[in-house]
């Protein structure tokens, strides 16, 4: 029995001239730190308990992705400054129609890697 697994790994790195050097979230530190990020797709054998990497790519954030992340951070800060409301849906509010889902850049990269 085999499984396909994907994982993103972040490696801390000092310096300024490395290709793809950016700030990525590191769970060990609990915050974004400078480093390199890699995404891998592996074939995992359940019975033998072995993993074989099928594809490995460096994650390089484009300027558009950086701008979106900055905008989200600013919006989150502004939202924290707002007054607190009671939890749950307010009384008398109607149901809203569902909106079309758009992939985040990370999900787009995963889909492109699996399609290749």
N, C-alpha and C. Protein backbone atom coordinates (compact mmCIF):
# COMPACT_ATOMS: atom_id res chain seq x y z
N UNK A 1 0.84 -1.17 0.00
CA UNK A 1 0.00 0.00 0.00
C UNK A 1 0.89 1.24 0.00
N UNK A 2 0.57 2.18 -0.86
CA UNK A 2 1.36 3.39 -1.00
C UNK A 2 0.48 4.63 -0.80
N UNK A 3 1.08 5.68 -0.30
CA UNK A 3 0.42 6.98 -0.15
C UNK A 3 1.27 8.04 -0.82
N UNK A 4 0.63 9.09 -1.28
CA UNK A 4 1.36 10.25 -1.78
C UNK A 4 1.21 11.35 -0.74
N UNK A 5 2.33 11.90 -0.31
CA UNK A 5 2.33 12.93 0.73
C UNK A 5 3.10 14.15 0.27
N UNK A 6 2.64 15.31 0.70
CA UNK A 6 3.33 16.56 0.39
C UNK A 6 3.67 17.29 1.67
N UNK A 7 4.80 17.96 1.69
CA UNK A 7 5.23 18.68 2.89
C UNK A 7 6.09 19.87 2.49
N UNK A 8 5.93 20.96 3.22
CA UNK A 8 6.75 22.14 2.99
C UNK A 8 7.74 22.26 4.15
N UNK A 9 9.01 22.46 3.83
CA UNK A 9 10.07 22.52 4.83
C UNK A 9 10.74 23.88 4.72
N UNK A 10 11.03 24.48 5.88
CA UNK A 10 11.68 25.78 5.92
C UNK A 10 13.05 25.60 6.56
N UNK A 11 14.09 26.17 5.93
CA UNK A 11 15.44 26.11 6.45
C UNK A 11 15.89 27.54 6.73
N UNK A 12 16.31 27.80 7.97
CA UNK A 12 16.77 29.16 8.29
C UNK A 12 18.09 29.43 7.60
N UNK A 13 18.28 30.69 7.23
CA UNK A 13 19.46 31.07 6.46
C UNK A 13 19.78 32.52 6.76
N UNK A 14 21.04 32.81 7.00
CA UNK A 14 21.48 34.18 7.19
C UNK A 14 22.07 34.67 5.87
N UNK A 15 22.11 35.96 5.69
CA UNK A 15 22.67 36.53 4.47
C UNK A 15 21.59 37.22 3.66
N UNK A 16 22.00 37.82 2.54
CA UNK A 16 21.05 38.57 1.73
C UNK A 16 21.14 38.24 0.25
N UNK A 17 22.12 37.46 -0.19
CA UNK A 17 22.30 37.25 -1.61
C UNK A 17 21.87 35.87 -2.09
N UNK A 18 21.20 35.08 -1.27
CA UNK A 18 20.74 33.76 -1.67
C UNK A 18 19.44 33.87 -2.45
N UNK A 19 19.32 33.12 -3.55
CA UNK A 19 18.10 33.15 -4.36
C UNK A 19 16.94 32.56 -3.56
N UNK A 20 15.83 33.27 -3.53
CA UNK A 20 14.64 32.79 -2.84
C UNK A 20 14.62 33.07 -1.36
N UNK A 21 15.59 33.82 -0.86
CA UNK A 21 15.63 34.15 0.56
C UNK A 21 14.47 35.07 0.88
N UNK A 22 13.67 34.68 1.85
CA UNK A 22 12.48 35.44 2.23
C UNK A 22 12.16 35.10 3.68
N UNK A 23 11.08 35.64 4.18
CA UNK A 23 10.63 35.31 5.54
C UNK A 23 9.51 34.29 5.45
N UNK A 24 9.73 33.14 6.07
CA UNK A 24 8.75 32.06 6.09
C UNK A 24 8.44 31.70 7.53
N UNK A 25 7.23 31.21 7.78
CA UNK A 25 6.83 30.84 9.13
C UNK A 25 7.55 29.56 9.55
N UNK A 26 8.17 29.59 10.71
CA UNK A 26 8.84 28.42 11.29
C UNK A 26 8.12 28.07 12.58
N UNK A 27 7.57 26.86 12.65
CA UNK A 27 6.81 26.47 13.83
C UNK A 27 7.69 26.33 15.07
N UNK A 28 8.97 26.04 14.90
CA UNK A 28 9.87 25.96 16.06
C UNK A 28 10.00 27.30 16.76
N UNK A 29 10.03 28.38 15.98
CA UNK A 29 10.16 29.71 16.55
C UNK A 29 8.81 30.38 16.78
N UNK A 30 7.77 29.89 16.10
CA UNK A 30 6.43 30.46 16.25
C UNK A 30 6.25 31.80 15.56
N UNK A 31 7.10 32.11 14.60
CA UNK A 31 7.01 33.38 13.89
C UNK A 31 7.75 33.25 12.56
N UNK A 32 7.54 34.20 11.64
CA UNK A 32 8.29 34.18 10.38
C UNK A 32 9.76 34.53 10.61
N UNK A 33 10.64 33.73 10.01
CA UNK A 33 12.08 33.95 10.13
C UNK A 33 12.70 33.92 8.74
N UNK A 34 13.85 34.57 8.53
CA UNK A 34 14.48 34.54 7.20
C UNK A 34 15.00 33.14 6.89
N UNK A 35 14.77 32.72 5.65
CA UNK A 35 15.25 31.40 5.26
C UNK A 35 14.77 31.02 3.88
N UNK A 36 14.91 29.74 3.56
CA UNK A 36 14.48 29.17 2.29
C UNK A 36 13.38 28.16 2.56
N UNK A 37 12.46 28.03 1.62
CA UNK A 37 11.36 27.09 1.78
C UNK A 37 11.34 26.13 0.59
N UNK A 38 11.11 24.86 0.87
CA UNK A 38 11.05 23.83 -0.16
C UNK A 38 9.77 23.02 0.01
N UNK A 39 9.14 22.65 -1.11
CA UNK A 39 7.96 21.81 -1.10
C UNK A 39 8.29 20.51 -1.80
N UNK A 40 7.96 19.38 -1.17
CA UNK A 40 8.26 18.08 -1.75
C UNK A 40 7.01 17.21 -1.79
N UNK A 41 6.93 16.40 -2.82
CA UNK A 41 5.89 15.38 -2.95
C UNK A 41 6.59 14.03 -2.94
N UNK A 42 6.15 13.14 -2.03
CA UNK A 42 6.83 11.85 -1.85
C UNK A 42 5.84 10.70 -1.97
N UNK A 43 6.37 9.56 -2.36
CA UNK A 43 5.63 8.30 -2.38
C UNK A 43 6.02 7.54 -1.12
N UNK A 44 5.05 7.23 -0.28
CA UNK A 44 5.32 6.61 1.01
C UNK A 44 4.81 5.17 0.99
N UNK A 45 5.71 4.22 1.29
CA UNK A 45 5.33 2.81 1.41
C UNK A 45 4.91 2.56 2.86
N UNK A 46 3.66 2.14 3.04
CA UNK A 46 3.13 1.95 4.39
C UNK A 46 3.76 0.72 5.03
N UNK A 47 3.88 -0.36 4.28
CA UNK A 47 4.39 -1.61 4.84
C UNK A 47 5.89 -1.55 5.13
N UNK A 48 6.68 -0.99 4.22
CA UNK A 48 8.13 -0.91 4.41
C UNK A 48 8.55 0.30 5.24
N UNK A 49 7.62 1.24 5.44
CA UNK A 49 7.89 2.47 6.20
C UNK A 49 9.04 3.26 5.57
N UNK A 50 8.97 3.41 4.26
CA UNK A 50 9.98 4.15 3.50
C UNK A 50 9.30 5.25 2.70
N UNK A 51 10.05 6.31 2.45
CA UNK A 51 9.55 7.43 1.67
C UNK A 51 10.52 7.70 0.52
N UNK A 52 9.96 7.88 -0.68
CA UNK A 52 10.78 8.18 -1.85
C UNK A 52 10.31 9.52 -2.41
N UNK A 53 11.17 10.54 -2.41
CA UNK A 53 10.74 11.83 -2.96
C UNK A 53 10.55 11.75 -4.47
N UNK A 54 9.38 12.22 -4.93
CA UNK A 54 9.10 12.24 -6.36
C UNK A 54 9.47 13.57 -6.98
N UNK A 55 9.24 14.64 -6.23
CA UNK A 55 9.50 15.98 -6.77
C UNK A 55 9.81 16.93 -5.62
N UNK A 56 10.79 17.81 -5.83
CA UNK A 56 11.18 18.79 -4.82
C UNK A 56 11.37 20.12 -5.53
N UNK A 57 10.72 21.16 -5.02
CA UNK A 57 10.83 22.49 -5.62
C UNK A 57 11.02 23.53 -4.53
N UNK A 58 11.82 24.54 -4.85
CA UNK A 58 11.99 25.66 -3.94
C UNK A 58 10.80 26.60 -4.09
N UNK A 59 10.28 27.07 -2.97
CA UNK A 59 9.16 28.01 -2.98
C UNK A 59 9.74 29.42 -3.03
N UNK A 60 9.44 30.13 -4.12
CA UNK A 60 9.90 31.51 -4.29
C UNK A 60 8.65 32.37 -4.41
N UNK A 61 8.47 33.28 -3.46
CA UNK A 61 7.29 34.14 -3.46
C UNK A 61 7.48 35.28 -4.46
N UNK A 62 6.45 35.50 -5.27
CA UNK A 62 6.51 36.61 -6.22
C UNK A 62 6.16 37.91 -5.51
N UNK A 63 6.37 39.02 -6.20
CA UNK A 63 6.06 40.33 -5.62
C UNK A 63 4.56 40.46 -5.34
N UNK A 64 3.72 39.86 -6.20
CA UNK A 64 2.27 39.92 -6.00
C UNK A 64 1.87 39.18 -4.72
N UNK A 65 2.48 38.02 -4.49
CA UNK A 65 2.18 37.26 -3.28
C UNK A 65 2.61 38.02 -2.02
N UNK A 66 3.75 38.67 -2.11
CA UNK A 66 4.23 39.46 -0.97
C UNK A 66 3.29 40.62 -0.68
N UNK A 67 2.78 41.26 -1.73
CA UNK A 67 1.86 42.38 -1.55
C UNK A 67 0.56 41.91 -0.92
N UNK A 68 0.07 40.72 -1.34
CA UNK A 68 -1.15 40.18 -0.77
C UNK A 68 -0.96 39.85 0.70
N UNK A 69 0.18 39.26 1.06
CA UNK A 69 0.42 38.91 2.46
C UNK A 69 0.54 40.17 3.33
N UNK A 70 1.15 41.22 2.79
CA UNK A 70 1.24 42.48 3.54
C UNK A 70 -0.15 43.09 3.74
N UNK A 71 -0.98 43.03 2.70
CA UNK A 71 -2.34 43.57 2.79
C UNK A 71 -3.16 42.79 3.82
N UNK A 72 -3.00 41.45 3.83
CA UNK A 72 -3.72 40.64 4.81
C UNK A 72 -3.27 40.95 6.23
N UNK A 73 -1.98 41.17 6.42
CA UNK A 73 -1.46 41.50 7.75
C UNK A 73 -2.01 42.85 8.22
N UNK A 74 -2.06 43.82 7.31
CA UNK A 74 -2.60 45.13 7.68
C UNK A 74 -4.09 45.05 7.99
N UNK A 75 -4.83 44.24 7.23
CA UNK A 75 -6.26 44.08 7.49
C UNK A 75 -6.49 43.39 8.83
N UNK A 76 -5.64 42.43 9.16
CA UNK A 76 -5.78 41.72 10.44
C UNK A 76 -5.52 42.67 11.61
N UNK A 77 -4.52 43.56 11.45
CA UNK A 77 -4.23 44.52 12.51
C UNK A 77 -5.41 45.48 12.68
N UNK A 78 -6.00 45.92 11.57
CA UNK A 78 -7.14 46.83 11.65
C UNK A 78 -8.34 46.14 12.28
N UNK A 79 -8.52 44.86 12.00
CA UNK A 79 -9.65 44.11 12.54
C UNK A 79 -9.51 43.95 14.06
N UNK A 80 -8.28 43.79 14.54
CA UNK A 80 -8.06 43.64 15.97
C UNK A 80 -8.40 44.92 16.74
N UNK A 81 -8.29 46.04 16.07
CA UNK A 81 -8.57 47.32 16.72
C UNK A 81 -10.07 47.60 16.83
N UNK A 82 -10.92 46.85 16.11
CA UNK A 82 -12.36 47.06 16.13
C UNK A 82 -12.95 46.59 17.46
N UNK A 83 -14.19 47.03 17.72
CA UNK A 83 -14.87 46.61 18.94
C UNK A 83 -15.21 45.13 18.88
N UNK A 84 -15.25 44.50 20.06
CA UNK A 84 -15.61 43.08 20.15
C UNK A 84 -17.12 42.95 20.02
N UNK A 85 -17.55 41.89 19.31
CA UNK A 85 -18.97 41.60 19.16
C UNK A 85 -19.28 40.28 19.84
N UNK A 86 -20.56 40.05 20.03
CA UNK A 86 -20.97 38.76 20.58
C UNK A 86 -20.75 37.68 19.54
N UNK A 87 -20.39 36.47 19.96
CA UNK A 87 -20.17 35.39 19.00
C UNK A 87 -21.47 34.91 18.37
N UNK A 88 -21.36 34.35 17.16
CA UNK A 88 -22.53 33.80 16.49
C UNK A 88 -23.12 34.75 15.47
N UNK A 89 -24.15 34.27 14.80
CA UNK A 89 -24.82 35.06 13.78
C UNK A 89 -25.82 35.99 14.43
N UNK A 90 -25.85 37.23 13.99
CA UNK A 90 -26.77 38.19 14.58
C UNK A 90 -28.20 37.84 14.21
N UNK A 91 -29.13 38.17 15.10
CA UNK A 91 -30.55 37.81 14.90
C UNK A 91 -31.11 38.55 13.70
N UNK A 92 -31.88 37.82 12.89
CA UNK A 92 -32.53 38.40 11.73
C UNK A 92 -31.67 38.50 10.49
N UNK A 93 -30.44 38.00 10.53
CA UNK A 93 -29.59 38.08 9.33
C UNK A 93 -29.93 36.93 8.39
N UNK A 94 -30.11 37.22 7.10
CA UNK A 94 -30.47 36.17 6.15
C UNK A 94 -29.26 35.32 5.75
N UNK A 95 -29.54 34.19 5.13
CA UNK A 95 -28.46 33.35 4.61
C UNK A 95 -27.80 34.05 3.43
N UNK A 96 -26.50 33.89 3.31
CA UNK A 96 -25.76 34.49 2.20
C UNK A 96 -25.43 33.43 1.17
N UNK A 97 -25.38 33.83 -0.10
CA UNK A 97 -25.00 32.91 -1.15
C UNK A 97 -23.52 32.63 -1.07
N UNK A 98 -23.13 31.42 -1.46
CA UNK A 98 -21.73 31.03 -1.43
C UNK A 98 -20.99 31.70 -2.59
N UNK A 99 -19.75 32.08 -2.35
CA UNK A 99 -18.93 32.71 -3.37
C UNK A 99 -18.00 31.68 -4.00
N UNK A 100 -17.54 31.96 -5.19
CA UNK A 100 -16.62 31.05 -5.87
C UNK A 100 -15.28 31.05 -5.14
N UNK A 101 -14.71 29.87 -4.99
CA UNK A 101 -13.45 29.71 -4.27
C UNK A 101 -12.28 29.98 -5.22
N UNK A 102 -11.30 30.75 -4.75
CA UNK A 102 -10.08 30.97 -5.52
C UNK A 102 -8.92 30.34 -4.76
N UNK A 103 -8.02 29.70 -5.48
CA UNK A 103 -6.87 29.03 -4.86
C UNK A 103 -5.87 30.05 -4.37
N UNK A 104 -5.27 29.78 -3.23
CA UNK A 104 -4.15 30.58 -2.75
C UNK A 104 -2.93 30.22 -3.58
N UNK A 105 -1.90 31.05 -3.57
CA UNK A 105 -0.70 30.72 -4.36
C UNK A 105 -0.09 29.37 -3.99
N UNK A 106 -0.13 28.99 -2.69
CA UNK A 106 0.43 27.71 -2.27
C UNK A 106 -0.36 26.54 -2.86
N UNK A 107 -1.70 26.64 -2.84
CA UNK A 107 -2.51 25.57 -3.41
C UNK A 107 -2.32 25.49 -4.92
N UNK A 108 -2.10 26.63 -5.56
CA UNK A 108 -1.82 26.64 -6.99
C UNK A 108 -0.52 25.93 -7.32
N UNK A 109 0.52 26.14 -6.46
CA UNK A 109 1.80 25.45 -6.66
C UNK A 109 1.64 23.95 -6.50
N UNK A 110 0.88 23.51 -5.49
CA UNK A 110 0.67 22.09 -5.26
C UNK A 110 -0.05 21.47 -6.45
N UNK A 111 -1.08 22.14 -6.95
CA UNK A 111 -1.83 21.62 -8.08
C UNK A 111 -0.94 21.55 -9.33
N UNK A 112 -0.08 22.54 -9.53
CA UNK A 112 0.81 22.54 -10.69
C UNK A 112 1.83 21.41 -10.57
N UNK A 113 2.32 21.14 -9.35
CA UNK A 113 3.30 20.06 -9.17
C UNK A 113 2.66 18.70 -9.44
N UNK A 114 1.42 18.53 -9.00
CA UNK A 114 0.76 17.24 -9.20
C UNK A 114 0.33 17.04 -10.65
N UNK A 115 0.06 18.14 -11.38
CA UNK A 115 -0.34 18.04 -12.78
C UNK A 115 0.86 17.75 -13.68
N UNK A 116 2.06 18.16 -13.24
CA UNK A 116 3.26 18.00 -14.08
C UNK A 116 3.71 16.56 -14.15
